[in-house]
Protein backbone atom coordinates (compact mmCIF):
# COMPACT_ATOMS: atom_id res chain seq x y z
CA THR A 1 -18.61 -18.97 24.58
CA ILE A 2 -21.63 -16.78 24.02
CA TYR A 3 -23.27 -14.86 27.00
CA ILE A 4 -26.85 -13.81 26.41
CA GLY A 5 -28.66 -11.45 28.73
CA LEU A 6 -32.41 -11.23 28.39
CA GLY A 7 -34.09 -8.10 29.80
CA GLY A 8 -32.81 -5.75 32.40
CA THR A 9 -31.56 -8.30 34.90
CA GLY A 10 -29.92 -10.44 32.26
CA ILE A 11 -28.23 -7.45 30.70
CA LYS A 12 -26.80 -6.35 34.14
CA ALA A 13 -25.43 -9.94 34.60
CA ILE A 14 -23.57 -10.08 31.36
CA ALA A 15 -22.17 -6.58 31.75
CA HIS A 16 -20.49 -7.77 35.01
CA ALA A 17 -19.20 -10.88 33.14
CA LYS A 18 -17.82 -8.74 30.43
CA LYS A 19 -16.12 -6.53 33.01
CA LEU A 20 -14.31 -9.52 34.37
CA TYR A 21 -12.92 -10.39 30.90
CA GLU A 22 -11.86 -6.75 30.42
CA GLU A 23 -10.01 -6.73 33.78
CA GLU A 24 -8.13 -9.81 32.59
CA PHE A 25 -7.45 -8.85 28.88
CA GLY A 26 -8.09 -5.02 28.75
CA ILE A 27 -11.00 -3.02 27.43
CA GLY A 28 -11.54 -3.86 23.85
CA GLN A 29 -9.18 -6.78 24.08
CA VAL A 30 -11.68 -9.63 24.99
CA PRO A 31 -10.87 -12.72 22.84
CA PRO A 32 -12.96 -12.68 19.76
CA GLU A 33 -14.32 -16.28 20.42
CA ILE A 34 -16.18 -14.81 23.37
CA ALA A 35 -19.41 -13.07 22.43
CA PHE A 36 -21.84 -11.03 24.44
CA LEU A 37 -25.45 -10.40 23.39
CA ALA A 38 -27.84 -8.05 25.31
CA ILE A 39 -31.54 -8.40 24.19
CA ASP A 40 -34.37 -6.14 25.32
CA PHE A 41 -37.26 -4.08 24.00
CA ASP A 42 -35.99 -1.02 25.92
CA ALA A 43 -32.79 0.66 24.92
CA LYS A 44 -32.42 2.49 28.26
CA GLU A 45 -30.67 -0.71 29.79
CA VAL A 46 -27.55 -0.17 27.79
CA GLU A 47 -27.55 3.51 27.03
CA ASP A 48 -27.67 4.98 30.57
CA GLY A 49 -24.01 4.18 31.19
CA ALA A 50 -24.84 2.53 34.56
CA HIS A 51 -23.27 -0.83 33.71
CA PRO A 52 -19.73 -1.78 34.50
CA ALA A 53 -18.98 -2.59 30.79
CA ASP A 54 -20.04 -1.02 27.62
CA LEU A 55 -22.59 -3.26 25.85
CA LYS A 56 -23.77 -0.85 23.07
CA GLY A 57 -21.98 -2.88 20.39
CA ASP A 58 -23.57 -6.06 21.79
CA PHE A 59 -27.11 -4.77 22.02
CA LEU A 60 -30.13 -6.14 20.12
CA GLN A 61 -33.10 -3.81 20.56
CA LEU A 62 -36.24 -5.64 19.49
CA VAL A 63 -38.33 -3.39 17.32
CA THR A 64 -41.36 -3.91 15.10
CA ALA A 65 -43.86 -1.74 13.37
CA VAL A 66 -46.50 -4.36 14.21
CA ASN A 67 -49.21 -3.53 16.70
CA PRO A 68 -48.85 -6.44 19.19
CA LEU A 69 -52.46 -6.34 20.21
CA GLU A 70 -53.82 -6.45 16.61
CA HIS A 71 -51.28 -9.10 15.75
CA TYR A 72 -52.45 -11.30 18.54
CA MET A 73 -56.16 -10.79 17.77
CA VAL A 74 -55.71 -11.55 14.06
CA GLY A 75 -53.49 -14.63 14.89
CA ARG A 76 -56.01 -15.96 17.35
CA GLU A 77 -59.02 -15.40 15.17
CA GLN A 78 -57.66 -16.41 11.65
CA ASN A 79 -55.00 -19.09 12.55
CA ASN A 80 -55.91 -20.22 15.89
CA ALA A 81 -52.40 -19.20 17.03
CA TYR A 82 -51.19 -18.22 20.56
CA LYS A 83 -53.46 -20.85 22.21
CA TRP A 84 -51.12 -20.74 25.22
CA MET A 85 -52.16 -17.08 25.97
CA PHE A 86 -54.64 -16.89 28.83
CA LYS A 87 -57.51 -14.78 27.28
CA GLY A 88 -57.75 -12.70 30.45
CA ASN A 89 -54.15 -11.67 29.90
CA ALA A 90 -54.81 -10.27 26.48
CA GLY A 91 -55.89 -7.02 28.14
CA TYR A 92 -52.18 -6.46 29.14
CA ILE A 93 -50.84 -6.45 25.62
CA ASP A 94 -49.69 -3.01 24.61
CA LYS A 95 -50.03 -1.40 21.16
CA ASN A 96 -46.32 -0.67 21.13
CA ILE A 97 -43.81 -3.46 21.78
CA ASN A 98 -41.05 -1.04 23.08
CA ASN A 99 -43.14 -0.11 26.11
CA GLY A 100 -41.97 -3.45 27.52
CA ALA A 101 -43.83 -6.46 29.04
CA LYS A 102 -44.59 -4.66 32.30
CA GLN A 103 -44.11 -7.80 34.53
CA VAL A 104 -46.64 -9.86 32.48
CA ARG A 105 -44.88 -12.99 31.50
CA THR A 106 -47.36 -14.01 28.66
CA THR A 107 -46.80 -10.48 27.16
CA GLY A 108 -43.12 -11.07 27.18
CA ARG A 109 -43.51 -14.39 25.40
CA LEU A 110 -45.88 -12.94 22.68
CA TYR A 111 -43.45 -10.05 21.97
CA THR A 112 -40.62 -12.45 21.70
CA GLU A 113 -42.38 -14.60 19.24
CA ILE A 114 -43.38 -11.65 17.12
CA VAL A 115 -39.71 -10.63 16.73
CA ILE A 116 -38.30 -14.20 16.76
CA LYS A 117 -36.48 -13.75 13.28
CA GLN A 118 -34.53 -10.80 14.64
CA ILE A 119 -33.22 -12.85 17.51
CA GLN A 120 -32.49 -15.84 15.27
CA ALA A 121 -30.43 -13.62 12.90
CA LYS A 122 -28.41 -12.07 15.75
CA VAL A 123 -27.76 -15.33 17.59
CA THR A 124 -26.77 -17.13 14.35
CA SER A 125 -24.34 -14.29 13.55
CA CYS A 126 -22.77 -14.57 17.01
CA TYR A 127 -22.52 -18.45 16.76
CA ASN A 128 -20.94 -18.25 13.33
CA ARG A 129 -18.43 -15.87 14.38
CA VAL A 130 -17.37 -17.47 17.56
CA GLN A 131 -17.27 -20.95 16.03
CA SER A 132 -15.25 -19.68 13.00
CA ILE A 133 -12.61 -18.02 15.17
CA ALA A 134 -12.46 -20.99 17.55
CA LYS A 135 -11.96 -23.45 14.68
CA SER A 136 -9.15 -21.23 13.21
CA LYS A 137 -7.44 -21.57 16.63
CA GLY A 138 -7.80 -25.42 16.67
CA TYR A 139 -10.83 -25.71 18.93
CA ASN A 140 -13.46 -28.10 17.77
CA GLN A 141 -15.93 -28.53 20.57
CA ALA A 142 -19.48 -27.36 21.11
CA VAL A 143 -20.09 -23.66 21.91
CA ASP A 144 -21.05 -22.84 25.45
CA VAL A 145 -23.99 -20.65 25.67
CA HIS A 146 -24.97 -18.88 29.01
CA LEU A 147 -28.46 -17.54 29.11
CA VAL A 148 -29.26 -15.20 31.95
CA MET A 149 -32.59 -13.65 32.99
CA SER A 150 -35.04 -12.70 35.68
CA LEU A 151 -37.69 -15.45 36.18
CA ALA A 152 -39.89 -12.91 38.02
CA GLY A 153 -40.53 -10.20 35.49
CA GLY A 154 -42.12 -10.01 32.04
CA THR A 155 -39.35 -9.79 29.44
CA GLY A 156 -36.94 -12.31 30.89
CA ALA A 157 -39.46 -14.80 32.31
CA GLY A 158 -41.54 -14.58 29.14
CA SER A 159 -38.69 -14.89 26.58
CA PHE A 160 -36.17 -17.32 28.17
CA LEU A 161 -37.87 -20.55 27.07
CA THR A 162 -38.65 -19.16 23.63
CA VAL A 163 -35.05 -18.13 23.10
CA ALA A 164 -33.74 -21.52 24.54
CA LEU A 165 -36.09 -23.35 22.21
CA LEU A 166 -34.80 -21.34 19.25
CA LEU A 167 -31.19 -22.21 20.25
CA ASP A 168 -31.97 -25.81 20.53
CA LYS A 169 -33.82 -25.74 16.97
CA GLU A 170 -30.87 -24.09 15.33
CA PHE A 171 -27.90 -25.58 17.03
CA HIS A 172 -29.05 -28.91 18.51
CA GLY A 173 -25.89 -30.92 19.39
CA LYS A 174 -23.58 -27.96 18.58
CA ILE A 175 -23.98 -26.02 21.84
CA ASN A 176 -24.04 -26.62 25.57
CA LEU A 177 -26.83 -24.48 27.04
CA PHE A 178 -26.62 -23.15 30.59
CA GLY A 179 -29.44 -21.11 32.21
CA TYR A 180 -29.34 -18.80 35.18
CA GLY A 181 -32.63 -17.37 36.52
CA VAL A 182 -33.12 -14.85 39.32
CA LEU A 183 -36.07 -15.65 41.52
CA HIS A 184 -38.74 -13.42 42.98
CA GLY A 185 -37.13 -13.17 46.53
CA VAL A 186 -34.47 -10.87 45.07
CA PHE A 187 -36.94 -8.49 43.76
CA LYS A 188 -39.06 -8.65 46.85
CA ALA A 189 -35.95 -7.65 48.77
CA MET A 190 -35.48 -4.65 46.50
CA ASP A 191 -39.10 -3.58 46.95
CA THR A 192 -40.00 -3.88 50.70
CA TYR A 193 -43.53 -2.82 50.34
CA GLY A 194 -44.27 -4.71 47.11
CA ASN A 195 -45.54 -1.77 45.21
CA LYS A 196 -43.34 -2.27 42.15
CA THR A 197 -43.41 -6.06 42.19
CA PRO A 198 -47.01 -7.34 42.13
CA ARG A 199 -46.47 -10.32 39.89
CA VAL A 200 -43.06 -11.58 40.67
CA ILE A 201 -44.04 -14.67 42.75
CA ALA A 202 -46.73 -15.87 40.13
CA ASN A 203 -44.20 -15.19 37.30
CA ALA A 204 -41.31 -17.13 38.98
CA TYR A 205 -43.69 -20.06 39.93
CA SER A 206 -45.11 -20.41 36.47
CA ALA A 207 -41.63 -20.10 34.84
CA ILE A 208 -40.25 -22.85 36.92
CA VAL A 209 -43.20 -25.14 36.24
CA ASP A 210 -42.77 -24.65 32.50
CA LEU A 211 -39.04 -25.21 32.84
CA ASP A 212 -39.43 -28.36 34.85
CA TYR A 213 -41.88 -29.75 32.29
CA LEU A 214 -39.39 -29.18 29.41
CA LEU A 215 -36.52 -30.66 31.33
CA HIS A 216 -38.36 -33.99 31.29
CA ALA A 217 -38.37 -34.22 27.44
CA SER A 218 -36.89 -37.50 26.06
CA PRO A 219 -37.10 -39.75 23.00
CA ASP A 220 -39.74 -41.74 24.84
CA ASN A 221 -41.54 -38.49 26.01
CA PRO A 222 -41.16 -35.92 23.25
CA VAL A 223 -42.65 -32.47 23.87
CA GLN A 224 -44.10 -30.32 21.14
CA VAL A 225 -43.80 -26.56 21.93
CA ALA A 226 -45.18 -23.55 19.99
CA LEU A 227 -42.23 -21.52 18.57
CA GLY A 228 -43.55 -18.54 16.63
CA PRO A 229 -45.78 -19.68 13.74
CA THR A 230 -44.46 -23.36 13.93
CA TYR A 231 -43.76 -26.02 16.54
CA HIS A 232 -40.54 -27.41 17.83
CA LYS A 233 -40.23 -31.04 19.07
CA LEU A 234 -37.87 -31.61 22.09
CA THR A 235 -36.58 -35.04 22.60
CA ALA A 236 -33.93 -34.09 25.39
CA PRO A 237 -33.86 -31.67 28.28
CA LEU A 238 -33.78 -28.15 27.04
CA PHE A 239 -30.80 -27.02 29.22
CA ASN A 240 -27.60 -28.93 30.03
CA GLU A 241 -27.72 -27.24 33.41
CA PHE A 242 -30.02 -24.54 34.97
CA TYR A 243 -29.24 -22.45 38.07
CA VAL A 244 -31.75 -20.37 40.11
CA VAL A 245 -30.59 -17.42 42.21
CA ASN A 246 -32.58 -16.32 45.35
CA ASN A 247 -31.89 -13.84 48.11
CA GLU A 248 -30.22 -16.46 50.41
CA THR A 249 -26.55 -16.95 50.94
CA GLN A 250 -24.95 -20.43 50.61
CA ASP A 251 -25.31 -20.90 54.40
CA GLY A 252 -28.97 -20.13 54.36
CA LYS A 253 -28.77 -16.50 55.54
CA VAL A 254 -31.68 -14.38 54.06
CA VAL A 255 -30.62 -11.04 52.53
CA GLU A 256 -33.53 -8.85 53.31
CA SER A 257 -32.50 -5.73 51.61
CA ILE A 258 -31.01 -5.47 48.11
CA LYS A 259 -30.11 -2.43 46.11
């Protein structure tokens, strides 16, 4: 099994998952066929010591010397790339990728595509390690990959489909992919006045529309999706299962305040 956390919310989630394993097996004793991968542009998420489990050894900080704004402009003008980017959103692209996506979903996707080879290398390394150890112990089934993120911010909502497409391209038929997305209601309940969450509803809505579209891919209805400089064709639903998390309990009670 591989647990992948995208952005701050995803990283918090897999830190709690790792803590459960540590409570069962001991710190530093998690079975090696279980891997954790925390992915973000900002190192603060794993360095501040606020998580229940240490993820420093599991962290991939996405870095590049490329100026994202220049990269986008050149790609758009010379190669007709990034046609999915709303031109009005180009003004939100920062000159430094490590300043984060700032709740702009298209910015999160652009940044992810710029560094897609870094993600590909790290995920492949995790997969090969887990699969090798599992086979040595007599297991011969597909690897379960759990992908966790916020659907309401910039990094998670912008990157989750790109990372899922990458996983499908690299390991089609070799993994079971499960998604978990935290919806806008959770973040609204953390920010009563809405000062820090101006785009969460739009982000979550657009993420779900895109997800729904890709879940309808089939051999009779293939879907071509831009993945970095190339395209990837989907002929089956992107996820085996996808769960969304909101600020309601199972019996429908709304949780109005969340820390």
